[in-house]
C-alpha atoms as a PDB file:
ATOM      1  CA  UNK A   1     -20.912 -33.022  26.454  1.00  0.00           C
ATOM      2  CA  UNK A   2     -23.239 -31.614  29.095  1.00  0.00           C
ATOM      3  CA  UNK A   3     -20.489 -29.613  30.752  1.00  0.00           C
ATOM      4  CA  UNK A   4     -18.642 -28.517  27.610  1.00  0.00           C
ATOM      5  CA  UNK A   5     -21.444 -27.509  25.248  1.00  0.00           C
ATOM      6  CA  UNK A   6     -22.280 -23.863  25.681  1.00  0.00           C
ATOM      7  CA  UNK A   7     -25.473 -22.211  24.600  1.00  0.00           C
ATOM      8  CA  UNK A   8     -25.643 -21.873  20.821  1.00  0.00           C
ATOM      9  CA  UNK A   9     -22.848 -24.356  20.122  1.00  0.00           C
ATOM     10  CA  UNK A  10     -24.577 -25.706  17.014  1.00  0.00           C
ATOM     11  CA  UNK A  11     -24.314 -22.353  15.215  1.00  0.00           C
ATOM     12  CA  UNK A  12     -20.842 -21.364  16.403  1.00  0.00           C
ATOM     13  CA  UNK A  13     -17.760 -22.997  14.827  1.00  0.00           C
ATOM     14  CA  UNK A  14     -15.494 -22.239  17.795  1.00  0.00           C
ATOM     15  CA  UNK A  15     -17.956 -23.741  20.273  1.00  0.00           C
ATOM     16  CA  UNK A  16     -18.359 -26.757  17.971  1.00  0.00           C
ATOM     17  CA  UNK A  17     -14.593 -27.234  18.006  1.00  0.00           C
ATOM     18  CA  UNK A  18     -14.550 -27.100  21.822  1.00  0.00           C
ATOM     19  CA  UNK A  19     -17.240 -29.769  21.983  1.00  0.00           C
ATOM     20  CA  UNK A  20     -15.440 -31.913  19.401  1.00  0.00           C
ATOM     21  CA  UNK A  21     -12.162 -31.690  21.337  1.00  0.00           C
ATOM     22  CA  UNK A  22     -13.877 -32.692  24.575  1.00  0.00           C
ATOM     23  CA  UNK A  23     -15.497 -35.676  22.867  1.00  0.00           C
ATOM     24  CA  UNK A  24     -12.275 -36.645  21.099  1.00  0.00           C
ATOM     25  CA  UNK A  25     -10.479 -36.838  24.445  1.00  0.00           C
ATOM     26  CA  UNK A  26     -13.039 -39.339  25.777  1.00  0.00           C
ATOM     27  CA  UNK A  27     -13.515 -41.621  22.767  1.00  0.00           C
ATOM     28  CA  UNK A  28     -11.133 -44.142  21.192  1.00  0.00           C
ATOM     29  CA  UNK A  29      -9.078 -42.869  18.248  1.00  0.00           C
ATOM     30  CA  UNK A  30     -10.817 -45.090  15.686  1.00  0.00           C
ATOM     31  CA  UNK A  31     -14.219 -43.409  16.191  1.00  0.00           C
ATOM     32  CA  UNK A  32     -15.433 -41.185  13.357  1.00  0.00           C
ATOM     33  CA  UNK A  33     -15.676 -37.834  15.164  1.00  0.00           C
ATOM     34  CA  UNK A  34     -17.525 -36.066  12.340  1.00  0.00           C
ATOM     35  CA  UNK A  35     -20.255 -38.711  12.453  1.00  0.00           C
ATOM     36  CA  UNK A  36     -20.562 -38.356  16.233  1.00  0.00           C
ATOM     37  CA  UNK A  37     -20.805 -34.578  15.894  1.00  0.00           C
ATOM     38  CA  UNK A  38     -23.568 -34.892  13.277  1.00  0.00           C
ATOM     39  CA  UNK A  39     -25.561 -37.134  15.602  1.00  0.00           C
ATOM     40  CA  UNK A  40     -25.124 -34.700  18.495  1.00  0.00           C
ATOM     41  CA  UNK A  41     -26.120 -31.701  16.397  1.00  0.00           C
ATOM     42  CA  UNK A  42     -29.370 -33.446  15.482  1.00  0.00           C
ATOM     43  CA  UNK A  43     -30.251 -34.285  19.106  1.00  0.00           C
ATOM     44  CA  UNK A  44     -32.544 -31.825  20.834  1.00  0.00           C
ATOM     45  CA  UNK A  45     -31.331 -32.654  24.341  1.00  0.00           C
ATOM     46  CA  UNK A  46     -27.901 -31.048  23.883  1.00  0.00           C
END
């Protein structure tokens, strides 16, 4: 996440997709990616 998320990724659909793909490659298939993305969007650190 730290290395993939570019500035302004929360407002940009393409950047969001890049972050989601990076996360999807690291997590097991049964994880709800949309839920993970919602949590990340609401975190101030990223």
